[in-house]
Amino acid sequence: MTVQLSQPDFQRLTRIVQQLPDFANVRDRQRLVAGALEGVAQADVILARLSLDGTPMGVSVEVVRFLSQFGQVAYGKEALGVFLNYIQPFTGDEDSEFIMGLFENYPLDTPVSPTRLIDRWRGTTSVAEIQEKIIGEDTLRHVYILDLALEAAKAVVHLRVPKSGGKKSLGTGFMIASDLLMTNNHVIASREQAEKTEYSFNYQLDINGKVCYSLSSQALPGGLFYTNSDLDYTVVSLKDIPPFGSPLTLKRMQMRRDDRVAIIQHPGGHLKKISMQNNFVAYADAQVVQYTTSTLPGSSGSPVFNDIFEVVAIHHSGGMLTEPDSRRRYLRNAGTSMIAVLNDLKTNAPEIYTRLKS
């Protein structure tokens, strides 16, 4: 459901927003909107899609229009209503009364439809009245997806990479053949660096929440090695590899806005985790995929999966990123599409390409 404000109400509300003390610059606007949406399940999606770069007047119009059209962020709560509840204490008396009036005149804090209230059922002989199937987004998935995720996780590897001064950086990689691992170029940039890296399998918690026994591997001296700094990926041959299940399938797949992508990773260089919530694609072309899926430093080089856990991209960065088409900047994470990676390997590293599961 969207909120259709009258033109006078829309114009006055945008003036109120642009005059807020925390609306003068991009950083303060980000904090304001993030604060308003704290605890909202779809906060990352909204922040990723909402452009906050521009003049206060122009951005206030964009914020009010976007939140009006976004719909509900919780049952019975419109995105615009959540935002107005947050900013109302920061406004003067007249503006505060105006905002309170909006809640009386518009469905900002009411259910979309009384028939969707799942707690309203008190007993009925009509089967049709109690067959509630989907509430909001359809989140139903076949349970075999869990098996696919667990199998895919076995091929995700923790990397400890030597740096100058005796320090080590941490990253993630994943097996793309029985002895080939893929990670980022900015994680491993050279054969020499690859041969000094420690590759740890099974660095995660078991079903009882205990740390598993992990096994390490090394790069094969003189083995296959290929890197591409522009696409930010590297492929390394490993030796003495512990059992890990099957290599991951690389999928030449054009992703679309609002597709879901999950990432299995070593966030912060710590134990293996999976990010499956608030995981929408925000932009995609044949080389770049931008998404709202959560990551941390240490997640670089992680596989980005589609709904059936085929690898559609390799994660490499996050932050205020420029969207290639619009040139606008958004708070997102990003990776290189497997379309570009596979095309590059086919042309420049055919001895690797022929070994892939794709």
Protein backbone atom coordinates (compact mmCIF):
# COMPACT_ATOMS: atom_id res chain seq x y z
CA MET A 1 0.00 0.00 0.00
CA THR A 2 1.21 3.53 -0.77
CA VAL A 3 0.30 6.81 0.93
CA GLN A 4 -1.17 9.39 -1.47
CA LEU A 5 -0.57 12.77 0.16
CA SER A 6 -2.46 15.77 -1.17
CA GLN A 7 -0.29 18.31 -2.97
CA PRO A 8 -0.46 20.90 -0.14
CA ASP A 9 0.38 18.24 2.49
CA PHE A 10 3.22 16.88 0.36
CA GLN A 11 4.71 20.34 -0.16
CA ARG A 12 4.47 21.29 3.50
CA LEU A 13 5.96 17.99 4.64
CA THR A 14 8.94 18.35 2.30
CA ARG A 15 9.57 21.85 3.69
CA ILE A 16 9.50 20.46 7.24
CA VAL A 17 11.97 17.71 6.32
CA GLN A 18 14.42 20.01 4.55
CA GLN A 19 14.47 22.34 7.57
CA LEU A 20 15.41 19.60 10.03
CA PRO A 21 18.76 20.30 11.75
CA ASP A 22 20.13 16.93 10.59
CA PHE A 23 19.28 17.43 6.93
CA ALA A 24 21.97 19.88 5.88
CA ASN A 25 24.44 17.38 4.41
CA VAL A 26 24.59 13.80 3.14
CA ARG A 27 26.24 12.31 6.22
CA ASP A 28 23.70 13.80 8.61
CA ARG A 29 20.82 12.73 6.36
CA GLN A 30 22.12 9.16 6.39
CA ARG A 31 22.25 9.19 10.16
CA LEU A 32 18.76 10.70 10.36
CA VAL A 33 17.15 8.15 8.05
CA ALA A 34 19.09 5.26 9.58
CA GLY A 35 18.00 6.38 13.04
CA ALA A 36 14.38 6.60 11.95
CA LEU A 37 14.53 3.07 10.53
CA GLU A 38 16.47 1.47 13.38
CA GLY A 39 14.95 -1.91 14.15
CA VAL A 40 13.03 -2.00 10.86
CA ALA A 41 13.63 -5.28 9.01
CA GLN A 42 13.80 -3.60 5.60
CA ALA A 43 16.03 -0.70 6.69
CA ASP A 44 18.97 -1.89 4.56
CA VAL A 45 16.74 -2.12 1.50
CA ILE A 46 15.42 1.41 1.96
CA LEU A 47 18.86 2.90 2.63
CA ALA A 48 20.26 1.13 -0.44
CA ARG A 49 17.57 2.42 -2.77
CA LEU A 50 17.15 5.93 -1.39
CA SER A 51 19.41 8.62 -2.83
CA LEU A 52 20.39 11.22 -0.21
CA ASP A 53 22.85 13.15 -2.36
CA GLY A 54 21.73 16.62 -3.49
CA THR A 55 20.28 19.86 -2.19
CA PRO A 56 18.17 19.73 1.00
CA MET A 57 15.09 20.75 -0.96
CA GLY A 58 15.57 18.18 -3.70
CA VAL A 59 16.45 15.35 -1.31
CA SER A 60 13.50 16.14 0.99
CA VAL A 61 11.18 15.71 -1.99
CA GLU A 62 12.89 12.41 -2.85
CA VAL A 63 12.68 11.12 0.75
CA VAL A 64 8.98 11.93 1.19
CA ARG A 65 8.06 10.58 -2.25
CA PHE A 66 10.10 7.36 -1.79
CA LEU A 67 8.80 6.59 1.69
CA SER A 68 5.23 7.36 0.62
CA GLN A 69 5.49 4.81 -2.17
CA PHE A 70 7.52 2.15 -0.35
CA GLY A 71 4.61 0.68 1.59
CA GLN A 72 4.63 -1.13 4.91
CA VAL A 73 7.81 -2.00 6.81
CA ALA A 74 5.93 -3.89 9.51
CA TYR A 75 2.38 -5.07 9.83
CA GLY A 76 0.18 -1.96 9.86
CA LYS A 77 3.10 0.49 9.75
CA GLU A 78 3.87 2.50 6.64
CA ALA A 79 7.49 3.51 5.99
CA LEU A 80 6.45 7.15 5.91
CA GLY A 81 4.66 6.79 9.24
CA VAL A 82 7.74 5.31 10.91
CA PHE A 83 9.85 8.20 9.60
CA LEU A 84 7.33 10.84 10.73
CA ASN A 85 7.10 9.34 14.22
CA TYR A 86 10.86 9.70 14.48
CA ILE A 87 11.21 13.30 13.26
CA GLN A 88 8.12 14.71 14.98
CA PRO A 89 9.91 15.50 18.29
CA PHE A 90 12.51 17.54 16.37
CA THR A 91 9.94 19.91 14.86
CA GLY A 92 8.28 23.06 16.21
CA ASP A 93 4.79 23.15 17.69
CA GLU A 94 2.95 23.96 14.44
CA ASP A 95 4.87 21.43 12.40
CA SER A 96 4.42 18.82 15.13
CA GLU A 97 0.66 19.34 15.09
CA PHE A 98 0.67 19.10 11.30
CA ILE A 99 2.48 15.75 11.44
CA MET A 100 0.05 14.45 14.06
CA GLY A 101 -2.77 15.50 11.73
CA LEU A 102 -1.27 13.41 8.93
CA PHE A 103 -1.75 10.31 11.08
CA GLU A 104 -5.43 11.19 11.41
CA ASN A 105 -5.93 11.88 7.71
CA TYR A 106 -3.85 9.11 6.12
CA PRO A 107 -3.41 5.35 6.78
CA LEU A 108 0.12 5.72 8.13
CA ASP A 109 -0.25 3.35 11.05
CA THR A 110 -3.13 1.06 10.12
CA PRO A 111 -3.36 -2.38 8.48
CA VAL A 112 -3.54 -2.63 4.71
CA SER A 113 -6.78 -4.58 4.97
CA PRO A 114 -8.76 -5.77 7.98
CA THR A 115 -9.01 -9.20 6.38
CA ARG A 116 -5.24 -9.64 6.73
CA LEU A 117 -5.27 -9.42 10.52
CA ILE A 118 -4.13 -12.87 11.57
CA ASP A 119 -5.15 -12.32 15.20
CA ARG A 120 -8.72 -11.43 14.27
CA TRP A 121 -9.77 -15.05 13.76
CA ARG A 122 -11.83 -16.27 16.69
CA GLY A 123 -13.43 -19.34 15.18
CA THR A 124 -15.41 -19.80 11.98
CA THR A 125 -16.92 -22.54 9.91
CA SER A 126 -15.68 -20.93 6.70
CA VAL A 127 -12.42 -22.47 5.53
CA ALA A 128 -11.85 -19.59 3.11
CA GLU A 129 -11.69 -17.11 5.99
CA ILE A 130 -8.84 -18.90 7.77
CA GLN A 131 -6.67 -19.96 4.84
CA GLU A 132 -4.10 -17.19 5.27
CA LYS A 133 -1.31 -18.10 2.91
CA ILE A 134 1.00 -15.12 2.39
CA ILE A 135 1.42 -12.18 4.76
CA GLY A 136 3.51 -9.46 3.12
CA GLU A 137 6.45 -10.88 1.15
CA ASP A 138 6.33 -14.57 0.27
CA THR A 139 9.14 -15.97 2.44
CA LEU A 140 8.26 -19.65 1.96
CA ARG A 141 11.12 -21.79 0.65
CA HIS A 142 11.49 -25.52 0.14
CA VAL A 143 13.60 -27.00 2.93
CA TYR A 144 16.03 -28.51 0.44
CA ILE A 145 17.42 -24.96 0.11
CA LEU A 146 18.93 -25.47 3.57
CA ASP A 147 20.72 -28.58 2.30
CA LEU A 148 22.04 -26.64 -0.70
CA ALA A 149 23.34 -23.91 1.60
CA LEU A 150 25.09 -26.40 3.88
CA GLU A 151 26.71 -28.16 0.94
CA ALA A 152 27.82 -24.86 -0.58
CA ALA A 153 29.31 -23.75 2.75
CA LYS A 154 31.76 -26.67 2.70
CA ALA A 155 33.53 -25.10 -0.29
CA VAL A 156 33.99 -21.68 1.36
CA VAL A 157 37.51 -21.17 2.73
CA HIS A 158 39.11 -18.85 5.30
CA LEU A 159 42.26 -17.03 4.08
CA ARG A 160 45.17 -15.64 6.12
CA VAL A 161 47.29 -13.60 3.73
CA PRO A 162 50.79 -12.31 4.63
CA LYS A 163 51.41 -8.60 4.30
CA SER A 164 54.46 -6.40 4.75
CA GLY A 165 55.80 -5.94 8.26
CA GLY A 166 54.88 -9.46 9.32
CA LYS A 167 51.16 -8.65 9.45
CA LYS A 168 48.38 -10.75 7.95
CA SER A 169 45.13 -9.73 6.31
CA LEU A 170 42.05 -11.91 6.33
CA GLY A 171 39.75 -12.83 3.48
CA THR A 172 37.44 -15.46 2.03
CA GLY A 173 37.72 -17.77 -0.96
CA PHE A 174 35.76 -20.64 -2.48
CA MET A 175 36.52 -23.82 -4.38
CA ILE A 176 35.60 -23.76 -8.07
CA ALA A 177 37.23 -27.09 -8.98
CA SER A 178 38.70 -29.97 -7.02
CA ASP A 179 41.98 -28.06 -6.53
CA LEU A 180 41.18 -24.49 -7.66
CA LEU A 181 40.19 -21.64 -5.35
CA MET A 182 38.82 -18.22 -6.29
CA THR A 183 39.17 -15.03 -4.23
CA ASN A 184 39.69 -11.32 -4.89
CA ASN A 185 42.73 -9.81 -6.57
CA HIS A 186 42.94 -7.31 -3.72
CA VAL A 187 43.16 -10.29 -1.31
CA ILE A 188 45.77 -12.26 -3.31
CA ALA A 189 47.47 -10.29 -6.06
CA SER A 190 50.47 -12.45 -6.95
CA ARG A 191 51.66 -16.03 -7.14
CA GLU A 192 54.23 -15.31 -4.42
CA GLN A 193 51.51 -14.03 -2.10
CA ALA A 194 49.32 -17.03 -2.89
CA GLU A 195 52.10 -19.45 -1.93
CA LYS A 196 52.48 -17.79 1.48
CA THR A 197 48.73 -17.77 2.25
CA GLU A 198 47.08 -20.20 4.67
CA TYR A 199 43.81 -21.69 3.38
CA SER A 200 41.61 -23.06 6.19
CA PHE A 201 38.62 -25.33 5.57
CA ASN A 202 35.74 -25.90 7.98
CA TYR A 203 36.45 -22.82 10.12
CA GLN A 204 32.93 -22.59 11.56
CA LEU A 205 30.65 -23.72 14.38
CA ASP A 206 29.13 -27.18 14.48
CA ILE A 207 25.51 -28.07 15.24
CA ASN A 208 26.23 -27.72 18.97
CA GLY A 209 27.71 -24.24 18.63
CA LYS A 210 31.27 -25.50 19.12
CA VAL A 211 34.19 -24.53 16.90
CA CYS A 212 34.89 -27.25 14.35
CA TYR A 213 38.29 -28.78 13.80
CA SER A 214 39.65 -26.98 10.74
CA LEU A 215 42.25 -28.21 8.27
CA SER A 216 44.62 -26.07 6.24
CA SER A 217 45.98 -26.23 2.71
CA GLN A 218 48.63 -24.37 0.74
CA ALA A 219 49.05 -23.15 -2.80
CA LEU A 220 50.66 -25.60 -5.21
CA PRO A 221 54.08 -24.21 -6.21
CA GLY A 222 54.11 -23.71 -9.94
CA GLY A 223 50.43 -24.62 -10.19
CA LEU A 224 47.73 -22.80 -12.10
CA PHE A 225 47.47 -19.14 -11.21
CA TYR A 226 45.53 -16.30 -12.81
CA THR A 227 44.51 -12.85 -11.60
CA ASN A 228 42.61 -9.87 -13.02
CA SER A 229 42.82 -6.59 -11.12
CA ASP A 230 40.08 -4.88 -13.13
CA LEU A 231 37.52 -7.58 -12.34
CA ASP A 232 39.11 -8.09 -8.90
CA TYR A 233 39.46 -11.85 -8.82
CA THR A 234 42.23 -14.44 -8.57
CA VAL A 235 42.34 -18.20 -9.12
CA VAL A 236 44.91 -20.34 -7.28
CA SER A 237 45.83 -24.05 -7.39
CA LEU A 238 45.94 -25.70 -3.96
CA LYS A 239 47.63 -28.87 -2.70
CA ASP A 240 46.95 -31.23 0.22
CA ILE A 241 43.29 -30.27 0.18
CA PRO A 242 41.01 -31.74 2.87
CA PRO A 243 37.64 -33.20 1.81
CA PHE A 244 35.17 -30.40 1.21
CA GLY A 245 32.33 -31.84 -0.83
CA SER A 246 31.75 -30.48 -4.32
CA PRO A 247 33.18 -27.40 -6.04
CA LEU A 248 30.70 -24.57 -6.43
CA THR A 249 28.84 -24.04 -9.68
CA LEU A 250 29.62 -20.75 -11.43
CA LYS A 251 26.52 -19.41 -13.17
CA ARG A 252 26.60 -17.04 -16.13
CA MET A 253 23.35 -15.37 -15.00
CA GLN A 254 22.09 -11.83 -15.55
CA MET A 255 20.74 -10.72 -12.16
CA ARG A 256 17.82 -8.32 -11.89
CA ARG A 257 16.81 -5.66 -9.42
CA ASP A 258 15.04 -7.20 -6.40
CA ASP A 259 16.50 -10.67 -7.03
CA ARG A 260 17.79 -12.22 -3.83
CA VAL A 261 21.44 -13.08 -3.25
CA ALA A 262 22.95 -14.86 -0.24
CA ILE A 263 26.63 -14.72 0.75
CA ILE A 264 28.57 -17.36 2.70
CA GLN A 265 31.61 -15.63 4.13
CA HIS A 266 34.13 -15.14 6.92
CA PRO A 267 33.02 -11.67 8.11
CA GLY A 268 35.73 -9.83 9.99
CA GLY A 269 37.96 -12.81 9.25
CA HIS A 270 36.06 -14.79 11.86
CA LEU A 271 34.02 -17.99 11.80
CA LYS A 272 31.99 -18.77 8.69
CA LYS A 273 28.54 -17.18 8.48
CA ILE A 274 25.75 -16.79 5.95
CA SER A 275 23.81 -13.63 5.15
CA MET A 276 20.32 -14.42 3.83
CA GLN A 277 18.13 -11.53 5.09
CA ASN A 278 17.60 -8.08 3.56
CA ASN A 279 19.50 -9.44 0.57
CA PHE A 280 18.09 -7.70 -2.48
CA VAL A 281 19.94 -6.89 -5.69
CA ALA A 282 19.82 -3.13 -6.14
CA TYR A 283 21.65 -2.93 -9.48
CA ALA A 284 23.14 -5.43 -11.92
CA ASP A 285 24.69 -5.52 -15.35
CA ALA A 286 27.06 -7.96 -17.07
CA GLN A 287 29.99 -6.91 -14.88
CA VAL A 288 28.69 -5.25 -11.69
CA VAL A 289 26.22 -6.58 -9.12
CA GLN A 290 25.23 -4.31 -6.22
CA TYR A 291 23.15 -5.62 -3.33
CA THR A 292 22.03 -5.04 0.25
CA THR A 293 23.31 -8.38 1.58
CA SER A 294 25.39 -7.83 4.73
CA THR A 295 29.19 -8.26 4.74
CA LEU A 296 32.20 -7.11 6.78
CA PRO A 297 35.92 -6.69 6.12
CA GLY A 298 37.20 -10.23 5.72
CA SER A 299 34.26 -11.10 3.49
CA SER A 300 36.20 -10.06 0.38
CA GLY A 301 36.37 -12.96 -2.06
CA SER A 302 33.13 -14.57 -0.90
CA PRO A 303 30.74 -16.29 -3.31
CA VAL A 304 27.48 -14.47 -4.01
CA PHE A 305 24.70 -17.03 -4.53
CA ASN A 306 21.34 -17.07 -6.26
CA ASP A 307 18.33 -18.80 -4.69
CA ILE A 308 19.62 -22.30 -5.50
CA PHE A 309 23.18 -21.58 -4.36
CA GLU A 310 24.86 -21.21 -7.70
CA VAL A 311 27.60 -18.55 -7.69
CA VAL A 312 26.47 -15.47 -9.65
CA ALA A 313 29.15 -13.02 -8.46
CA ILE A 314 32.25 -12.68 -6.31
CA HIS A 315 31.97 -10.11 -3.53
CA HIS A 316 34.66 -7.43 -3.37
CA SER A 317 33.57 -4.20 -1.66
CA GLY A 318 30.98 -2.12 0.14
CA GLY A 319 30.18 1.45 1.17
CA MET A 320 28.85 4.49 -0.66
CA LEU A 321 29.12 3.05 -4.15
CA THR A 322 28.38 4.68 -7.49
CA GLU A 323 25.63 3.04 -9.53
CA PRO A 324 27.00 2.68 -13.09
CA ASP A 325 23.87 3.81 -14.92
CA SER A 326 22.62 6.71 -12.81
CA ARG A 327 26.06 7.71 -11.41
CA ARG A 328 24.32 8.26 -8.09
CA ARG A 329 25.92 7.04 -4.88
CA TYR A 330 24.20 4.54 -2.59
CA LEU A 331 25.10 2.60 0.54
CA ARG A 332 25.53 -0.91 -0.90
CA ASN A 333 27.78 -3.93 -1.22
CA ALA A 334 29.08 -5.05 -4.59
CA GLY A 335 30.72 -7.85 -6.51
CA THR A 336 31.86 -8.82 -9.99
CA SER A 337 29.30 -10.74 -12.04
CA MET A 338 30.20 -14.29 -13.02
CA ILE A 339 29.26 -13.29 -16.56
CA ALA A 340 32.36 -11.10 -16.73
CA VAL A 341 34.54 -13.56 -14.80
CA LEU A 342 33.66 -16.55 -16.98
CA ASN A 343 34.07 -14.55 -20.20
CA ASP A 344 37.51 -13.41 -19.04
CA LEU A 345 38.62 -16.92 -18.04
CA LYS A 346 37.41 -18.38 -21.32
CA THR A 347 39.50 -15.86 -23.26
CA ASN A 348 42.59 -15.44 -21.08
CA ALA A 349 42.84 -18.60 -18.94
CA PRO A 350 41.24 -21.45 -20.93
CA GLU A 351 43.17 -24.06 -18.93
CA ILE A 352 41.21 -22.90 -15.87
CA TYR A 353 37.93 -22.34 -17.69
CA THR A 354 37.77 -25.93 -18.95
CA ARG A 355 38.03 -27.21 -15.35
CA LEU A 356 35.04 -25.27 -14.01
CA LYS A 357 31.67 -26.57 -12.95
CA SER A 358 29.30 -24.24 -14.76
